[in-house]
Amino acid sequence: MGVGIVEAPRGTLIHQYETDERGLIRKVNLVVATTNNSARIAMSVDKAAKNLIKEGKVNDGLLNMVEMAFRAYDPCFGCATHTLPGEMPLV
């Protein structure tokens, strides 16, 4: 088994690999920056929404401003666009 931790463009990337007796990769575990930043992202979106949305009224411009709090963290493509059901879970 091998583990690596690097500071990547989007933040800390942790990767772990397991190989079989022939050296072929059999298991990979990636913890991407969006996972590491998820609590802070949630707090930022919550704060933006609470400061911008008044009386439950939301229009596209307002929603775009709330979404900027999420996009400011430069999430990976899969995290930014959701995942497909039945594929891999976001942990």
PDB file of N, CA and C in Angstrom:
ATOM      1  N   MET A   1       0.848  -1.163   0.000  1.00  0.00           N
ATOM      2  CA  MET A   1       0.000   0.000   0.000  1.00  0.00           C
ATOM      3  C   MET A   1       0.899   1.233   0.000  1.00  0.00           C
ATOM      4  N   GLY A   2       0.449   2.258  -0.726  1.00  0.00           N
ATOM      5  CA  GLY A   2       1.164   3.525  -0.749  1.00  0.00           C
ATOM      6  C   GLY A   2       0.198   4.675  -0.542  1.00  0.00           C
ATOM      7  N   VAL A   3       0.664   5.682   0.157  1.00  0.00           N
ATOM      8  CA  VAL A   3      -0.152   6.864   0.431  1.00  0.00           C
ATOM      9  C   VAL A   3       0.667   8.095   0.074  1.00  0.00           C
ATOM     10  N   GLY A   4       0.007   9.055  -0.557  1.00  0.00           N
ATOM     11  CA  GLY A   4       0.658  10.316  -0.879  1.00  0.00           C
ATOM     12  C   GLY A   4      -0.239  11.475  -0.493  1.00  0.00           C
ATOM     13  N   ILE A   5       0.379  12.552  -0.070  1.00  0.00           N
ATOM     14  CA  ILE A   5      -0.359  13.770   0.259  1.00  0.00           C
ATOM     15  C   ILE A   5       0.383  14.916  -0.412  1.00  0.00           C
ATOM     16  N   VAL A   6      -0.343  15.645  -1.263  1.00  0.00           N
ATOM     17  CA  VAL A   6       0.268  16.762  -1.976  1.00  0.00           C
ATOM     18  C   VAL A   6      -0.652  17.975  -1.924  1.00  0.00           C
ATOM     19  N   GLU A   7      -0.046  19.133  -2.046  1.00  0.00           N
ATOM     20  CA  GLU A   7      -0.820  20.369  -2.167  1.00  0.00           C
ATOM     21  C   GLU A   7      -1.027  20.591  -3.662  1.00  0.00           C
ATOM     22  N   ALA A   8      -2.244  20.343  -4.112  1.00  0.00           N
ATOM     23  CA  ALA A   8      -2.612  20.462  -5.518  1.00  0.00           C
ATOM     24  C   ALA A   8      -3.238  21.836  -5.763  1.00  0.00           C
ATOM     25  N   PRO A   9      -3.479  22.198  -7.038  1.00  0.00           N
ATOM     26  CA  PRO A   9      -4.051  23.517  -7.333  1.00  0.00           C
ATOM     27  C   PRO A   9      -5.341  23.832  -6.572  1.00  0.00           C
ATOM     28  N   ARG A  10      -6.187  22.847  -6.333  1.00  0.00           N
ATOM     29  CA  ARG A  10      -7.451  23.099  -5.640  1.00  0.00           C
ATOM     30  C   ARG A  10      -7.341  22.915  -4.129  1.00  0.00           C
ATOM     31  N   GLY A  11      -6.207  22.479  -3.638  1.00  0.00           N
ATOM     32  CA  GLY A  11      -6.024  22.244  -2.210  1.00  0.00           C
ATOM     33  C   GLY A  11      -5.373  20.897  -1.975  1.00  0.00           C
ATOM     34  N   THR A  12      -5.407  20.430  -0.749  1.00  0.00           N
ATOM     35  CA  THR A  12      -4.743  19.182  -0.375  1.00  0.00           C
ATOM     36  C   THR A  12      -5.393  17.981  -1.047  1.00  0.00           C
ATOM     37  N   LEU A  13      -4.567  17.134  -1.643  1.00  0.00           N
ATOM     38  CA  LEU A  13      -5.014  15.901  -2.287  1.00  0.00           C
ATOM     39  C   LEU A  13      -4.342  14.733  -1.571  1.00  0.00           C
ATOM     40  N   ILE A  14      -5.159  13.810  -1.079  1.00  0.00           N
ATOM     41  CA  ILE A  14      -4.647  12.607  -0.421  1.00  0.00           C
ATOM     42  C   ILE A  14      -4.994  11.434  -1.315  1.00  0.00           C
ATOM     43  N   HIS A  15      -4.001  10.618  -1.632  1.00  0.00           N
ATOM     44  CA  HIS A  15      -4.271   9.461  -2.477  1.00  0.00           C
ATOM     45  C   HIS A  15      -3.603   8.222  -1.898  1.00  0.00           C
ATOM     46  N   GLN A  16      -4.341   7.105  -1.988  1.00  0.00           N
ATOM     47  CA  GLN A  16      -3.896   5.836  -1.416  1.00  0.00           C
ATOM     48  C   GLN A  16      -4.110   4.749  -2.464  1.00  0.00           C
ATOM     49  N   TYR A  17      -3.131   3.894  -2.620  1.00  0.00           N
ATOM     50  CA  TYR A  17      -3.197   2.823  -3.611  1.00  0.00           C
ATOM     51  C   TYR A  17      -2.837   1.493  -2.967  1.00  0.00           C
ATOM     52  N   GLU A  18      -3.551   0.448  -3.367  1.00  0.00           N
ATOM     53  CA  GLU A  18      -3.208  -0.912  -2.956  1.00  0.00           C
ATOM     54  C   GLU A  18      -2.990  -1.731  -4.214  1.00  0.00           C
ATOM     55  N   THR A  19      -1.957  -2.562  -4.183  1.00  0.00           N
ATOM     56  CA  THR A  19      -1.646  -3.406  -5.335  1.00  0.00           C
ATOM     57  C   THR A  19      -1.734  -4.876  -4.950  1.00  0.00           C
ATOM     58  N   ASP A  20      -1.850  -5.698  -5.975  1.00  0.00           N
ATOM     59  CA  ASP A  20      -1.839  -7.138  -5.722  1.00  0.00           C
ATOM     60  C   ASP A  20      -0.399  -7.650  -5.796  1.00  0.00           C
ATOM     61  N   GLU A  21      -0.244  -8.959  -5.717  1.00  0.00           N
ATOM     62  CA  GLU A  21       1.096  -9.559  -5.702  1.00  0.00           C
ATOM     63  C   GLU A  21       1.872  -9.324  -6.993  1.00  0.00           C
ATOM     64  N   ARG A  22       1.155  -8.991  -8.086  1.00  0.00           N
ATOM     65  CA  ARG A  22       1.821  -8.718  -9.368  1.00  0.00           C
ATOM     66  C   ARG A  22       2.115  -7.227  -9.556  1.00  0.00           C
ATOM     67  N   GLY A  23       1.738  -6.417  -8.577  1.00  0.00           N
ATOM     68  CA  GLY A  23       1.983  -4.987  -8.670  1.00  0.00           C
ATOM     69  C   GLY A  23       0.903  -4.214  -9.407  1.00  0.00           C
ATOM     70  N   LEU A  24      -0.214  -4.882  -9.714  1.00  0.00           N
ATOM     71  CA  LEU A  24      -1.321  -4.203 -10.380  1.00  0.00           C
ATOM     72  C   LEU A  24      -2.179  -3.484  -9.346  1.00  0.00           C
ATOM     73  N   ILE A  25      -2.570  -2.289  -9.666  1.00  0.00           N
ATOM     74  CA  ILE A  25      -3.397  -1.510  -8.740  1.00  0.00           C
ATOM     75  C   ILE A  25      -4.774  -2.146  -8.648  1.00  0.00           C
ATOM     76  N   ARG A  26      -5.200  -2.448  -7.443  1.00  0.00           N
ATOM     77  CA  ARG A  26      -6.498  -3.085  -7.195  1.00  0.00           C
ATOM     78  C   ARG A  26      -7.466  -2.184  -6.433  1.00  0.00           C
ATOM     79  N   LYS A  27      -6.940  -1.187  -5.748  1.00  0.00           N
ATOM     80  CA  LYS A  27      -7.813  -0.303  -4.986  1.00  0.00           C
ATOM     81  C   LYS A  27      -7.179   1.087  -4.938  1.00  0.00           C
ATOM     82  N   VAL A  28      -8.015   2.091  -5.147  1.00  0.00           N
ATOM     83  CA  VAL A  28      -7.565   3.477  -5.082  1.00  0.00           C
ATOM     84  C   VAL A  28      -8.548   4.260  -4.220  1.00  0.00           C
ATOM     85  N   ASN A  29      -8.039   5.084  -3.349  1.00  0.00           N
ATOM     86  CA  ASN A  29      -8.876   5.961  -2.530  1.00  0.00           C
ATOM     87  C   ASN A  29      -8.325   7.373  -2.675  1.00  0.00           C
ATOM     88  N   LEU A  30      -9.169   8.293  -3.155  1.00  0.00           N
ATOM     89  CA  LEU A  30      -8.768   9.687  -3.320  1.00  0.00           C
ATOM     90  C   LEU A  30      -9.610  10.568  -2.407  1.00  0.00           C
ATOM     91  N   VAL A  31      -8.962  11.428  -1.682  1.00  0.00           N
ATOM     92  CA  VAL A  31      -9.663  12.438  -0.893  1.00  0.00           C
ATOM     93  C   VAL A  31      -9.254  13.774  -1.509  1.00  0.00           C
ATOM     94  N   VAL A  32     -10.175  14.359  -2.262  1.00  0.00           N
ATOM     95  CA  VAL A  32      -9.879  15.575  -3.011  1.00  0.00           C
ATOM     96  C   VAL A  32     -10.140  16.813  -2.159  1.00  0.00           C
ATOM     97  N   ALA A  33      -9.649  17.947  -2.625  1.00  0.00           N
ATOM     98  CA  ALA A  33      -9.756  19.194  -1.865  1.00  0.00           C
ATOM     99  C   ALA A  33     -11.195  19.556  -1.536  1.00  0.00           C
ATOM    100  N   THR A  34     -12.115  19.286  -2.451  1.00  0.00           N
ATOM    101  CA  THR A  34     -13.509  19.634  -2.186  1.00  0.00           C
ATOM    102  C   THR A  34     -14.015  18.893  -0.955  1.00  0.00           C
ATOM    103  N   THR A  35     -13.582  17.662  -0.764  1.00  0.00           N
ATOM    104  CA  THR A  35     -13.962  16.909   0.432  1.00  0.00           C
ATOM    105  C   THR A  35     -13.389  17.584   1.674  1.00  0.00           C
ATOM    106  N   ASN A  36     -12.125  17.957   1.606  1.00  0.00           N
ATOM    107  CA  ASN A  36     -11.491  18.624   2.746  1.00  0.00           C
ATOM    108  C   ASN A  36     -12.135  19.971   3.056  1.00  0.00           C
ATOM    109  N   ASN A  37     -12.621  20.645   2.025  1.00  0.00           N
ATOM    110  CA  ASN A  37     -13.201  21.978   2.196  1.00  0.00           C
ATOM    111  C   ASN A  37     -14.708  21.964   2.409  1.00  0.00           C
ATOM    112  N   SER A  38     -15.333  20.800   2.427  1.00  0.00           N
ATOM    113  CA  SER A  38     -16.801  20.734   2.409  1.00  0.00           C
ATOM    114  C   SER A  38     -17.462  21.453   3.585  1.00  0.00           C
ATOM    115  N   ALA A  39     -16.907  21.355   4.774  1.00  0.00           N
ATOM    116  CA  ALA A  39     -17.523  22.037   5.921  1.00  0.00           C
ATOM    117  C   ALA A  39     -17.466  23.552   5.735  1.00  0.00           C
ATOM    118  N   ARG A  40     -16.331  24.045   5.302  1.00  0.00           N
ATOM    119  CA  ARG A  40     -16.183  25.492   5.084  1.00  0.00           C
ATOM    120  C   ARG A  40     -17.065  25.959   3.926  1.00  0.00           C
ATOM    121  N   ILE A  41     -17.173  25.151   2.872  1.00  0.00           N
ATOM    122  CA  ILE A  41     -18.049  25.493   1.749  1.00  0.00           C
ATOM    123  C   ILE A  41     -19.483  25.626   2.243  1.00  0.00           C
ATOM    124  N   ALA A  42     -19.925  24.657   3.032  1.00  0.00           N
ATOM    125  CA  ALA A  42     -21.300  24.682   3.552  1.00  0.00           C
ATOM    126  C   ALA A  42     -21.536  25.924   4.403  1.00  0.00           C
ATOM    127  N   MET A  43     -20.561  26.291   5.235  1.00  0.00           N
ATOM    128  CA  MET A  43     -20.708  27.487   6.066  1.00  0.00           C
ATOM    129  C   MET A  43     -20.770  28.750   5.210  1.00  0.00           C
ATOM    130  N   SER A  44     -19.966  28.800   4.159  1.00  0.00           N
ATOM    131  CA  SER A  44     -19.961  29.972   3.281  1.00  0.00           C
ATOM    132  C   SER A  44     -21.278  30.122   2.534  1.00  0.00           C
ATOM    133  N   VAL A  45     -21.795  29.012   2.015  1.00  0.00           N
ATOM    134  CA  VAL A  45     -23.073  29.052   1.300  1.00  0.00           C
ATOM    135  C   VAL A  45     -24.192  29.444   2.259  1.00  0.00           C
ATOM    136  N   ASP A  46     -24.178  28.879   3.458  1.00  0.00           N
ATOM    137  CA  ASP A  46     -25.194  29.201   4.459  1.00  0.00           C
ATOM    138  C   ASP A  46     -25.169  30.696   4.800  1.00  0.00           C
ATOM    139  N   LYS A  47     -23.983  31.216   5.014  1.00  0.00           N
ATOM    140  CA  LYS A  47     -23.856  32.632   5.361  1.00  0.00           C
ATOM    141  C   LYS A  47     -24.309  33.521   4.203  1.00  0.00           C
ATOM    142  N   ALA A  48     -23.898  33.180   2.983  1.00  0.00           N
ATOM    143  CA  ALA A  48     -24.307  33.967   1.816  1.00  0.00           C
ATOM    144  C   ALA A  48     -25.819  33.948   1.658  1.00  0.00           C
ATOM    145  N   ALA A  49     -26.418  32.767   1.788  1.00  0.00           N
ATOM    146  CA  ALA A  49     -27.871  32.650   1.630  1.00  0.00           C
ATOM    147  C   ALA A  49     -28.604  33.455   2.698  1.00  0.00           C
ATOM    148  N   LYS A  50     -28.150  33.357   3.926  1.00  0.00           N
ATOM    149  CA  LYS A  50     -28.813  34.087   5.016  1.00  0.00           C
ATOM    150  C   LYS A  50     -28.686  35.602   4.851  1.00  0.00           C
ATOM    151  N   ASN A  51     -27.568  36.046   4.295  1.00  0.00           N
ATOM    152  CA  ASN A  51     -27.370  37.482   4.102  1.00  0.00           C
ATOM    153  C   ASN A  51     -28.096  38.021   2.874  1.00  0.00           C
ATOM    154  N   LEU A  52     -28.317  37.181   1.878  1.00  0.00           N
ATOM    155  CA  LEU A  52     -28.871  37.659   0.611  1.00  0.00           C
ATOM    156  C   LEU A  52     -30.358  37.384   0.430  1.00  0.00           C
ATOM    157  N   ILE A  53     -30.832  36.255   0.918  1.00  0.00           N
ATOM    158  CA  ILE A  53     -32.229  35.878   0.685  1.00  0.00           C
ATOM    159  C   ILE A  53     -33.099  36.485   1.778  1.00  0.00           C
ATOM    160  N   LYS A  54     -34.038  37.275   1.362  1.00  0.00           N
ATOM    161  CA  LYS A  54     -34.952  37.940   2.292  1.00  0.00           C
ATOM    162  C   LYS A  54     -36.379  37.496   1.997  1.00  0.00           C
ATOM    163  N   GLU A  55     -37.099  37.100   3.027  1.00  0.00           N
ATOM    164  CA  GLU A  55     -38.505  36.695   2.929  1.00  0.00           C
ATOM    165  C   GLU A  55     -38.720  35.539   1.947  1.00  0.00           C
ATOM    166  N   GLY A  56     -37.700  34.703   1.778  1.00  0.00           N
ATOM    167  CA  GLY A  56     -37.826  33.518   0.930  1.00  0.00           C
ATOM    168  C   GLY A  56     -37.899  33.799  -0.552  1.00  0.00           C
ATOM    169  N   LYS A  57     -37.622  35.032  -0.967  1.00  0.00           N
ATOM    170  CA  LYS A  57     -37.707  35.402  -2.383  1.00  0.00           C
ATOM    171  C   LYS A  57     -36.344  35.245  -3.037  1.00  0.00           C
ATOM    172  N   VAL A  58     -36.310  34.427  -4.100  1.00  0.00           N
ATOM    173  CA  VAL A  58     -35.056  34.148  -4.799  1.00  0.00           C
ATOM    174  C   VAL A  58     -35.280  34.316  -6.295  1.00  0.00           C
ATOM    175  N   ASN A  59     -34.399  35.063  -6.946  1.00  0.00           N
ATOM    176  CA  ASN A  59     -34.418  35.133  -8.405  1.00  0.00           C
ATOM    177  C   ASN A  59     -33.080  34.606  -8.911  1.00  0.00           C
ATOM    178  N   ASP A  60     -32.934  34.499 -10.224  1.00  0.00           N
ATOM    179  CA  ASP A  60     -31.710  33.911 -10.775  1.00  0.00           C
ATOM    180  C   ASP A  60     -30.461  34.698 -10.394  1.00  0.00           C
ATOM    181  N   GLY A  61     -30.540  36.017 -10.392  1.00  0.00           N
ATOM    182  CA  GLY A  61     -29.383  36.828 -10.022  1.00  0.00           C
ATOM    183  C   GLY A  61     -28.964  36.599  -8.582  1.00  0.00           C
ATOM    184  N   LEU A  62     -29.928  36.507  -7.712  1.00  0.00           N
ATOM    185  CA  LEU A  62     -29.656  36.270  -6.297  1.00  0.00           C
ATOM    186  C   LEU A  62     -29.073  34.873  -6.090  1.00  0.00           C
ATOM    187  N   LEU A  63     -29.652  33.900  -6.771  1.00  0.00           N
ATOM    188  CA  LEU A  63     -29.149  32.529  -6.677  1.00  0.00           C
ATOM    189  C   LEU A  63     -27.712  32.458  -7.172  1.00  0.00           C
ATOM    190  N   ASN A  64     -27.403  33.179  -8.234  1.00  0.00           N
ATOM    191  CA  ASN A  64     -26.045  33.199  -8.763  1.00  0.00           C
ATOM    192  C   ASN A  64     -25.073  33.762  -7.732  1.00  0.00           C
ATOM    193  N   MET A  65     -25.487  34.766  -6.992  1.00  0.00           N
ATOM    194  CA  MET A  65     -24.622  35.340  -5.961  1.00  0.00           C
ATOM    195  C   MET A  65     -24.376  34.344  -4.827  1.00  0.00           C
ATOM    196  N   VAL A  66     -25.387  33.579  -4.454  1.00  0.00           N
ATOM    197  CA  VAL A  66     -25.207  32.551  -3.424  1.00  0.00           C
ATOM    198  C   VAL A  66     -24.274  31.458  -3.945  1.00  0.00           C
ATOM    199  N   GLU A  67     -24.446  31.078  -5.209  1.00  0.00           N
ATOM    200  CA  GLU A  67     -23.599  30.037  -5.798  1.00  0.00           C
ATOM    201  C   GLU A  67     -22.141  30.470  -5.873  1.00  0.00           C
ATOM    202  N   MET A  68     -21.883  31.765  -5.934  1.00  0.00           N
ATOM    203  CA  MET A  68     -20.495  32.246  -5.959  1.00  0.00           C
ATOM    204  C   MET A  68     -19.738  31.811  -4.709  1.00  0.00           C
ATOM    205  N   ALA A  69     -20.437  31.708  -3.589  1.00  0.00           N
ATOM    206  CA  ALA A  69     -19.792  31.250  -2.351  1.00  0.00           C
ATOM    207  C   ALA A  69     -19.262  29.829  -2.529  1.00  0.00           C
ATOM    208  N   PHE A  70     -19.993  29.006  -3.269  1.00  0.00           N
ATOM    209  CA  PHE A  70     -19.561  27.632  -3.547  1.00  0.00           C
ATOM    210  C   PHE A  70     -18.422  27.628  -4.559  1.00  0.00           C
ATOM    211  N   ARG A  71     -18.592  28.358  -5.644  1.00  0.00           N
ATOM    212  CA  ARG A  71     -17.588  28.357  -6.712  1.00  0.00           C
ATOM    213  C   ARG A  71     -16.269  28.990  -6.282  1.00  0.00           C
ATOM    214  N   ALA A  72     -16.294  29.826  -5.247  1.00  0.00           N
ATOM    215  CA  ALA A  72     -15.061  30.465  -4.767  1.00  0.00           C
ATOM    216  C   ALA A  72     -14.021  29.438  -4.325  1.00  0.00           C
ATOM    217  N   TYR A  73     -14.468  28.255  -3.981  1.00  0.00           N
ATOM    218  CA  TYR A  73     -13.555  27.201  -3.535  1.00  0.00           C
ATOM    219  C   TYR A  73     -13.029  26.364  -4.687  1.00  0.00           C
ATOM    220  N   ASP A  74     -13.411  26.695  -5.927  1.00  0.00           N
ATOM    221  CA  ASP A  74     -12.952  25.977  -7.112  1.00  0.00           C
ATOM    222  C   ASP A  74     -13.148  24.471  -6.949  1.00  0.00           C
ATOM    223  N   PRO A  75     -14.404  24.030  -6.750  1.00  0.00           N
ATOM    224  CA  PRO A  75     -14.644  22.598  -6.542  1.00  0.00           C
ATOM    225  C   PRO A  75     -14.308  21.788  -7.789  1.00  0.00           C
ATOM    226  N   CYS A  76     -14.001  20.533  -7.588  1.00  0.00           N
ATOM    227  CA  CYS A  76     -13.730  19.663  -8.728  1.00  0.00           C
ATOM    228  C   CYS A  76     -14.999  19.544  -9.577  1.00  0.00           C
ATOM    229  N   PHE A  77     -14.844  19.163 -10.829  1.00  0.00           N
ATOM    230  CA  PHE A  77     -15.968  19.110 -11.763  1.00  0.00           C
ATOM    231  C   PHE A  77     -17.090  18.213 -11.248  1.00  0.00           C
ATOM    232  N   GLY A  78     -16.743  17.023 -10.749  1.00  0.00           N
ATOM    233  CA  GLY A  78     -17.762  16.102 -10.243  1.00  0.00           C
ATOM    234  C   GLY A  78     -18.534  16.679  -9.067  1.00  0.00           C
ATOM    235  N   CYS A  79     -17.835  17.367  -8.186  1.00  0.00           N
ATOM    236  CA  CYS A  79     -18.504  17.966  -7.026  1.00  0.00           C
ATOM    237  C   CYS A  79     -19.345  19.167  -7.432  1.00  0.00           C
ATOM    238  N   ALA A  80     -18.891  19.890  -8.436  1.00  0.00           N
ATOM    239  CA  ALA A  80     -19.615  21.076  -8.874  1.00  0.00           C
ATOM    240  C   ALA A  80     -20.875  20.719  -9.646  1.00  0.00           C
ATOM    241  N   THR A  81     -20.881  19.553 -10.265  1.00  0.00           N
ATOM    242  CA  THR A  81     -22.020  19.184 -11.118  1.00  0.00           C
ATOM    243  C   THR A  81     -22.798  18.005 -10.572  1.00  0.00           C
ATOM    244  N   HIS A  82     -22.497  17.572  -9.377  1.00  0.00           N
ATOM    245  CA  HIS A  82     -23.142  16.432  -8.712  1.00  0.00           C
ATOM    246  C   HIS A  82     -22.547  15.127  -9.234  1.00  0.00           C
ATOM    247  N   THR A  83     -22.975  14.032  -8.678  1.00  0.00           N
ATOM    248  CA  THR A  83     -22.511  12.725  -9.125  1.00  0.00           C
ATOM    249  C   THR A  83     -23.692  11.944  -9.654  1.00  0.00           C
ATOM    250  N   LEU A  84     -23.400  10.914 -10.397  1.00  0.00           N
ATOM    251  CA  LEU A  84     -24.464  10.081 -10.940  1.00  0.00           C
ATOM    252  C   LEU A  84     -24.899   9.052  -9.907  1.00  0.00           C
ATOM    253  N   PRO A  85     -26.199   8.850  -9.732  1.00  0.00           N
ATOM    254  CA  PRO A  85     -26.671   7.844  -8.770  1.00  0.00           C
ATOM    255  C   PRO A  85     -26.104   6.464  -9.099  1.00  0.00           C
ATOM    256  N   GLY A  86     -25.697   5.759  -8.069  1.00  0.00           N
ATOM    257  CA  GLY A  86     -25.199   4.402  -8.263  1.00  0.00           C
ATOM    258  C   GLY A  86     -23.741   4.332  -8.647  1.00  0.00           C
ATOM    259  N   GLU A  87     -23.113   5.460  -8.855  1.00  0.00           N
ATOM    260  CA  GLU A  87     -21.693   5.448  -9.191  1.00  0.00           C
ATOM    261  C   GLU A  87     -20.904   5.363  -7.887  1.00  0.00           C
ATOM    262  N   MET A  88     -20.043   6.301  -7.631  1.00  0.00           N
ATOM    263  CA  MET A  88     -19.250   6.262  -6.409  1.00  0.00           C
ATOM    264  C   MET A  88     -19.805   7.256  -5.402  1.00  0.00           C
ATOM    265  N   PRO A  89     -19.876   6.875  -4.138  1.00  0.00           N
ATOM    266  CA  PRO A  89     -20.404   7.796  -3.129  1.00  0.00           C
ATOM    267  C   PRO A  89     -19.416   8.920  -2.827  1.00  0.00           C
ATOM    268  N   LEU A  90     -19.942  10.094  -2.518  1.00  0.00           N
ATOM    269  CA  LEU A  90     -19.104  11.173  -2.019  1.00  0.00           C
ATOM    270  C   LEU A  90     -18.984  10.991  -0.522  1.00  0.00           C
ATOM    271  N   VAL A  91     -17.775  10.847  -0.041  1.00  0.00           N
ATOM    272  CA  VAL A  91     -17.561  10.614   1.384  1.00  0.00           C
ATOM    273  C   VAL A  91     -16.851  11.802   1.981  1.00  0.00           C
TER     274      VAL A  91
END
